[in-house]
Amino acid sequence: ATGQQGGSVLRALVAKGVRCVAITRDPDSAKGKELAKLPNVEVRKGDLNDPQSLEAAFEGCDGAFVMANFWEGMDPTKEMLQYENAAVALKKVGSMKHIVMSSLEETASHPKMADAKVLLEHATGGMKVPHLDAKNRSHKYFEGLPMTYLYTSCFIENFTSFFTLMKQEDGSYQFTLPLGEGPIAWTILEDLGKMTAGILDRPDEMIGKTVGTSSFFSSGAELAELMSKATGKTIKYNCVPWAVFASFGFPGADELAQMFKFFTDAQDEFLAVRDLKRCEELGGPLADPVSAFKALPLKYDS
């Protein structure tokens, strides 16, 4: 619950007056102590690598939001094991009426990814975007549980960490991503939290369903305009082919490149799963991207 997605879900549930258990590896951390100050929140210790700790943490709960963090170690096998551990604990607790799992699509077998490389030979089959494929292949662990699978999209909050605004000679800023020219789905974390809370409010309607998250659809150029409006700076989008981005060589470059290839090449299907009207029905009015960007400590590099 101290992470971005879990924290957003917790705050949305608290705003609805729901009594919550926030699970974290270290309840005594600064973030854990902050969560304990929220109304109707009990902070419990739990570790996705320790199924027994999860069983104790889930005790007495009737709903759950579950996610693992691929980017902590970038190991899809570990991520899948963490989801398996969560599923085992949830089944043992036996009190769950509704569970939402943060997930994404399978890419390796998708026809739009035929020309993408297999980045990882895995026991479950080759993976082309491991942090997507691992999540999707973890669904099997949750069979028999009352599930909703929540397919996320790219978070604008990634511009505070993963994505950098580079200063140019003319004083403007530029971000370089392989987004093509068309729109992709972007999610503001606040909306993910509200959508998840809305899903948990509708077990009869949502159990057994898969739904996507999005706050708005935007091309790279349109995103730059939104960021410029929010910051008062001139921000530009530098479009590069996904194969070029993959060659940049930083850890995860090929992973992100092929992720964006999937987002853009399977655009119609990807956006349809993340229907904005449906997102608003579940979570209420969607956040304004300009206001959201204004509130973020964007990552600049001079």
Protein backbone atom coordinates (compact mmCIF):
# COMPACT_ATOMS: atom_id res chain seq x y z
CA ALA A 1 0.00 0.00 0.00
CA THR A 2 3.04 2.29 0.19
CA GLY A 3 3.47 2.06 -3.59
CA GLN A 4 1.83 4.27 -6.17
CA GLN A 5 -1.03 2.01 -7.24
CA GLY A 6 -1.77 0.58 -3.80
CA GLY A 7 -1.63 4.01 -2.24
CA SER A 8 -4.07 5.45 -4.76
CA VAL A 9 -6.53 2.60 -4.16
CA LEU A 10 -6.24 2.96 -0.38
CA ARG A 11 -6.96 6.69 -0.50
CA ALA A 12 -9.95 6.21 -2.80
CA LEU A 13 -11.43 3.61 -0.45
CA VAL A 14 -10.77 5.80 2.59
CA ALA A 15 -12.58 8.66 0.85
CA LYS A 16 -15.61 6.36 0.56
CA GLY A 17 -15.49 5.60 4.28
CA VAL A 18 -14.32 2.02 3.84
CA ARG A 19 -12.36 0.39 6.65
CA CYS A 20 -9.07 -0.78 5.16
CA VAL A 21 -6.02 -2.86 5.93
CA ALA A 22 -2.87 -1.44 4.34
CA ILE A 23 -0.23 -4.12 3.80
CA THR A 24 3.44 -3.19 3.66
CA ARG A 25 6.74 -4.94 4.27
CA ASP A 26 7.71 -2.34 6.88
CA PRO A 27 4.87 -0.76 8.88
CA ASP A 28 7.47 1.27 10.80
CA SER A 29 8.77 3.02 7.68
CA ALA A 30 7.94 6.68 7.13
CA LYS A 31 5.41 5.74 4.45
CA GLY A 32 3.87 3.07 6.67
CA LYS A 33 3.46 5.54 9.50
CA GLU A 34 1.80 8.04 7.16
CA LEU A 35 -0.73 5.42 6.10
CA ALA A 36 -1.51 4.67 9.75
CA LYS A 37 -2.65 8.28 10.17
CA LEU A 38 -5.45 7.83 7.62
CA PRO A 39 -8.94 7.30 9.08
CA ASN A 40 -10.16 3.71 9.36
CA VAL A 41 -6.80 2.30 8.22
CA GLU A 42 -4.93 -0.49 9.98
CA VAL A 43 -1.37 -1.07 8.75
CA ARG A 44 -0.23 -4.69 8.78
CA LYS A 45 3.07 -6.31 7.88
CA GLY A 46 3.05 -8.51 4.80
CA ASP A 47 5.60 -9.57 2.22
CA LEU A 48 4.76 -10.96 -1.21
CA ASN A 49 7.75 -13.26 -0.85
CA ASP A 50 6.29 -14.76 2.35
CA PRO A 51 2.89 -16.46 1.89
CA GLN A 52 2.38 -16.95 5.65
CA SER A 53 2.79 -13.24 6.30
CA LEU A 54 0.20 -12.54 3.60
CA GLU A 55 -2.25 -14.99 5.10
CA ALA A 56 -2.02 -13.15 8.43
CA ALA A 57 -2.28 -9.77 6.71
CA PHE A 58 -5.42 -10.76 4.75
CA GLU A 59 -7.17 -12.22 7.81
CA GLY A 60 -10.64 -10.75 8.34
CA CYS A 61 -10.72 -8.89 5.01
CA ASP A 62 -13.44 -9.43 2.43
CA GLY A 63 -11.84 -7.60 -0.50
CA ALA A 64 -8.35 -7.03 -1.86
CA PHE A 65 -6.31 -5.12 -4.42
CA VAL A 66 -3.27 -7.15 -5.46
CA MET A 67 -0.20 -6.14 -7.40
CA ALA A 68 3.48 -7.04 -7.55
CA ASN A 69 6.31 -4.74 -8.64
CA PHE A 70 8.22 -6.07 -11.66
CA TRP A 71 10.53 -3.06 -11.71
CA GLU A 72 11.97 -3.98 -8.32
CA GLY A 73 14.55 -6.40 -9.67
CA MET A 74 12.99 -6.72 -13.16
CA ASP A 75 12.53 -10.46 -12.66
CA PRO A 76 9.29 -11.86 -14.15
CA THR A 77 9.78 -15.23 -12.46
CA LYS A 78 9.88 -13.50 -9.07
CA GLU A 79 6.87 -11.39 -9.99
CA MET A 80 4.87 -14.47 -10.94
CA LEU A 81 5.87 -16.19 -7.70
CA GLN A 82 4.69 -13.16 -5.75
CA TYR A 83 1.30 -13.32 -7.45
CA GLU A 84 1.16 -17.05 -6.75
CA ASN A 85 1.97 -16.42 -3.09
CA ALA A 86 -0.82 -13.83 -2.89
CA ALA A 87 -3.30 -16.19 -4.53
CA VAL A 88 -2.39 -19.06 -2.19
CA ALA A 89 -2.85 -16.80 0.85
CA LEU A 90 -6.16 -15.43 -0.42
CA LYS A 91 -7.50 -18.93 -0.93
CA LYS A 92 -6.40 -20.02 2.53
CA VAL A 93 -8.05 -17.02 4.19
CA GLY A 94 -11.29 -17.97 2.49
CA SER A 95 -13.16 -14.77 3.33
CA MET A 96 -12.66 -12.87 0.08
CA LYS A 97 -15.77 -11.68 -1.70
CA HIS A 98 -14.01 -9.66 -4.41
CA ILE A 99 -10.39 -9.27 -5.53
CA VAL A 100 -8.96 -6.83 -8.06
CA MET A 101 -5.61 -7.73 -9.61
CA SER A 102 -3.52 -5.10 -11.39
CA SER A 103 -2.56 -6.68 -14.69
CA LEU A 104 -1.84 -6.21 -18.40
CA GLU A 105 -2.23 -8.04 -21.69
CA GLU A 106 -0.23 -10.99 -23.01
CA THR A 107 2.05 -9.79 -25.83
CA ALA A 108 4.14 -12.78 -26.94
CA SER A 109 1.33 -14.44 -28.91
CA HIS A 110 -0.27 -11.23 -30.17
CA PRO A 111 -0.21 -10.95 -34.00
CA LYS A 112 0.84 -7.29 -33.81
CA MET A 113 4.01 -8.39 -32.01
CA ALA A 114 5.14 -10.93 -34.60
CA ASP A 115 8.20 -8.83 -35.51
CA ALA A 116 9.19 -8.11 -31.89
CA LYS A 117 12.04 -9.98 -30.27
CA VAL A 118 11.65 -12.57 -27.55
CA LEU A 119 13.40 -10.76 -24.70
CA LEU A 120 13.27 -13.67 -22.28
CA GLU A 121 13.05 -17.42 -22.74
CA HIS A 122 10.87 -18.44 -19.82
CA ALA A 123 9.50 -21.69 -18.42
CA THR A 124 6.00 -20.48 -19.38
CA GLY A 125 7.11 -19.60 -22.93
CA GLY A 126 9.02 -16.78 -24.57
CA MET A 127 8.25 -13.28 -23.30
CA LYS A 128 8.34 -10.22 -25.55
CA VAL A 129 7.33 -7.70 -22.87
CA PRO A 130 8.08 -9.58 -19.65
CA HIS A 131 6.35 -7.16 -17.27
CA LEU A 132 3.14 -7.55 -19.28
CA ASP A 133 3.40 -11.25 -20.03
CA ALA A 134 4.28 -12.23 -16.46
CA LYS A 135 1.20 -10.49 -15.06
CA ASN A 136 -1.14 -12.02 -17.58
CA ARG A 137 0.28 -15.51 -17.09
CA SER A 138 -0.24 -15.12 -13.34
CA HIS A 139 -4.02 -15.08 -13.77
CA LYS A 140 -4.00 -18.88 -13.56
CA TYR A 141 -3.04 -18.74 -9.88
CA PHE A 142 -6.26 -16.89 -9.04
CA GLU A 143 -8.62 -19.40 -10.63
CA GLY A 144 -11.53 -20.13 -8.30
CA LEU A 145 -11.36 -16.71 -6.63
CA PRO A 146 -13.86 -13.84 -7.22
CA MET A 147 -11.65 -11.82 -9.56
CA THR A 148 -11.66 -8.66 -11.63
CA TYR A 149 -8.56 -8.08 -13.74
CA LEU A 150 -7.63 -4.43 -14.09
CA TYR A 151 -5.53 -3.69 -17.19
CA THR A 152 -3.59 -0.53 -16.50
CA SER A 153 -1.99 1.86 -18.98
CA CYS A 154 0.98 4.20 -18.95
CA PHE A 155 0.92 6.46 -15.88
CA ILE A 156 1.66 10.17 -16.26
CA GLU A 157 3.46 9.83 -12.93
CA ASN A 158 6.20 8.00 -14.87
CA PHE A 159 7.41 11.48 -15.85
CA THR A 160 8.66 11.83 -12.29
CA SER A 161 10.88 8.74 -12.57
CA PHE A 162 11.15 6.67 -15.74
CA PHE A 163 10.78 9.46 -18.30
CA THR A 164 12.99 12.55 -18.31
CA LEU A 165 12.44 16.02 -19.77
CA MET A 166 15.78 16.97 -21.33
CA LYS A 167 16.71 20.64 -21.65
CA GLN A 168 17.52 21.80 -25.19
CA GLU A 169 19.84 24.57 -26.38
CA ASP A 170 16.90 26.90 -27.03
CA GLY A 171 15.70 26.54 -23.41
CA SER A 172 12.83 24.20 -24.23
CA TYR A 173 12.49 20.66 -22.89
CA GLN A 174 12.02 17.43 -24.80
CA PHE A 175 11.03 13.86 -24.02
CA THR A 176 11.94 10.99 -26.32
CA LEU A 177 9.62 8.01 -26.56
CA PRO A 178 8.49 5.57 -29.29
CA LEU A 179 4.83 6.57 -29.20
CA GLY A 180 4.29 6.92 -32.93
CA GLU A 181 1.91 9.64 -34.06
CA GLY A 182 -1.43 8.39 -32.77
CA PRO A 183 -2.99 8.38 -29.30
CA ILE A 184 -2.33 5.91 -26.51
CA ALA A 185 -4.07 5.59 -23.16
CA TRP A 186 -2.66 7.48 -20.17
CA THR A 187 -3.74 6.96 -16.57
CA ILE A 188 -3.55 9.40 -13.66
CA LEU A 189 -3.05 7.38 -10.49
CA GLU A 190 -5.90 9.13 -8.71
CA ASP A 191 -8.27 7.75 -11.35
CA LEU A 192 -6.91 4.22 -11.00
CA GLY A 193 -7.70 4.39 -7.29
CA LYS A 194 -11.23 5.66 -7.84
CA MET A 195 -11.89 3.08 -10.57
CA THR A 196 -10.71 0.25 -8.33
CA ALA A 197 -12.90 1.48 -5.48
CA GLY A 198 -15.82 1.61 -7.92
CA ILE A 199 -15.13 -1.93 -9.11
CA LEU A 200 -15.07 -3.20 -5.53
CA ASP A 201 -18.46 -1.50 -5.02
CA ARG A 202 -19.95 -3.64 -7.82
CA PRO A 203 -19.11 -7.30 -7.15
CA ASP A 204 -22.21 -8.68 -8.85
CA GLU A 205 -21.42 -6.73 -12.00
CA MET A 206 -17.62 -6.92 -12.07
CA ILE A 207 -16.57 -10.37 -10.82
CA GLY A 208 -15.27 -12.36 -13.76
CA LYS A 209 -14.66 -9.23 -15.82
CA THR A 210 -11.57 -7.57 -17.26
CA VAL A 211 -11.55 -3.78 -17.54
CA GLY A 212 -8.88 -1.25 -18.46
CA THR A 213 -7.86 2.04 -16.87
CA SER A 214 -7.37 5.35 -18.60
CA SER A 215 -7.78 9.03 -17.78
CA PHE A 216 -7.35 10.34 -21.32
CA PHE A 217 -6.11 9.38 -24.78
CA SER A 218 -3.25 11.44 -26.17
CA SER A 219 -0.54 11.36 -28.81
CA GLY A 220 3.00 12.28 -27.85
CA ALA A 221 2.61 15.73 -29.39
CA GLU A 222 -0.68 16.33 -27.58
CA LEU A 223 0.89 15.16 -24.33
CA ALA A 224 3.69 17.68 -24.77
CA GLU A 225 1.10 20.43 -25.22
CA LEU A 226 -0.65 19.41 -21.99
CA MET A 227 2.65 19.42 -20.11
CA SER A 228 3.61 22.80 -21.56
CA LYS A 229 0.31 24.27 -20.46
CA ALA A 230 0.74 22.82 -16.98
CA THR A 231 4.33 23.94 -16.45
CA GLY A 232 4.57 27.18 -18.41
CA LYS A 233 7.61 25.69 -20.15
CA THR A 234 7.97 24.73 -23.79
CA ILE A 235 7.94 20.94 -23.87
CA LYS A 236 8.29 18.99 -27.09
CA TYR A 237 7.89 15.36 -28.08
CA ASN A 238 10.72 13.63 -29.95
CA CYS A 239 9.32 10.60 -31.76
CA VAL A 240 11.70 7.70 -32.39
CA PRO A 241 11.02 4.22 -33.79
CA TRP A 242 10.68 1.52 -31.14
CA ALA A 243 13.77 -0.32 -32.45
CA VAL A 244 15.85 2.85 -32.04
CA PHE A 245 14.59 3.34 -28.48
CA ALA A 246 15.49 -0.29 -27.71
CA SER A 247 19.07 0.42 -28.77
CA PHE A 248 19.53 3.21 -26.18
CA GLY A 249 20.99 0.62 -23.84
CA PHE A 250 19.76 1.69 -20.41
CA PRO A 251 18.28 -1.09 -18.20
CA GLY A 252 14.82 -1.89 -19.48
CA ALA A 253 15.16 0.05 -22.77
CA ASP A 254 14.20 -2.93 -24.92
CA GLU A 255 11.39 -3.81 -22.51
CA LEU A 256 9.88 -0.32 -22.69
CA ALA A 257 10.41 -0.12 -26.45
CA GLN A 258 8.43 -3.28 -27.08
CA MET A 259 5.79 -2.23 -24.56
CA PHE A 260 5.17 0.94 -26.55
CA LYS A 261 5.22 -1.05 -29.77
CA PHE A 262 2.34 -3.09 -28.39
CA PHE A 263 0.49 0.02 -27.20
CA THR A 264 0.78 1.66 -30.62
CA ASP A 265 0.57 -1.27 -33.06
CA ALA A 266 -2.42 -2.78 -31.25
CA GLN A 267 -3.86 0.71 -30.73
CA ASP A 268 -7.53 0.07 -31.57
CA GLU A 269 -7.74 -3.01 -29.35
CA PHE A 270 -5.71 -1.38 -26.57
CA LEU A 271 -7.91 1.73 -26.45
CA ALA A 272 -11.16 -0.24 -26.68
CA VAL A 273 -10.30 -2.14 -23.48
CA ARG A 274 -9.69 1.23 -21.80
CA ASP A 275 -12.93 2.91 -22.84
CA LEU A 276 -13.07 6.35 -21.24
CA LYS A 277 -16.82 6.31 -20.73
CA ARG A 278 -16.56 3.02 -18.85
CA CYS A 279 -13.67 4.36 -16.75
CA GLU A 280 -15.82 7.33 -15.76
CA GLU A 281 -18.82 5.11 -14.95
CA LEU A 282 -16.66 3.14 -12.53
CA GLY A 283 -14.61 5.90 -10.94
CA GLY A 284 -16.54 9.12 -11.43
CA PRO A 285 -15.28 12.24 -13.25
CA LEU A 286 -11.78 11.73 -14.59
CA ALA A 287 -8.95 13.93 -13.39
CA ASP A 288 -7.86 16.89 -15.49
CA PRO A 289 -4.43 16.10 -17.00
CA VAL A 290 -3.21 19.71 -16.89
CA SER A 291 -4.02 19.98 -13.19
CA ALA A 292 -2.45 16.59 -12.58
CA PHE A 293 0.78 17.56 -14.35
CA LYS A 294 0.88 20.82 -12.36
CA ALA A 295 0.89 18.83 -9.13
CA LEU A 296 3.73 16.49 -10.16
CA PRO A 297 7.46 16.96 -9.48
CA LEU A 298 8.39 16.25 -13.10
CA LYS A 299 11.87 14.91 -13.79
CA TYR A 300 14.02 17.50 -15.57
CA ASP A 301 17.62 17.07 -16.72
CA SER A 302 19.63 20.08 -17.81
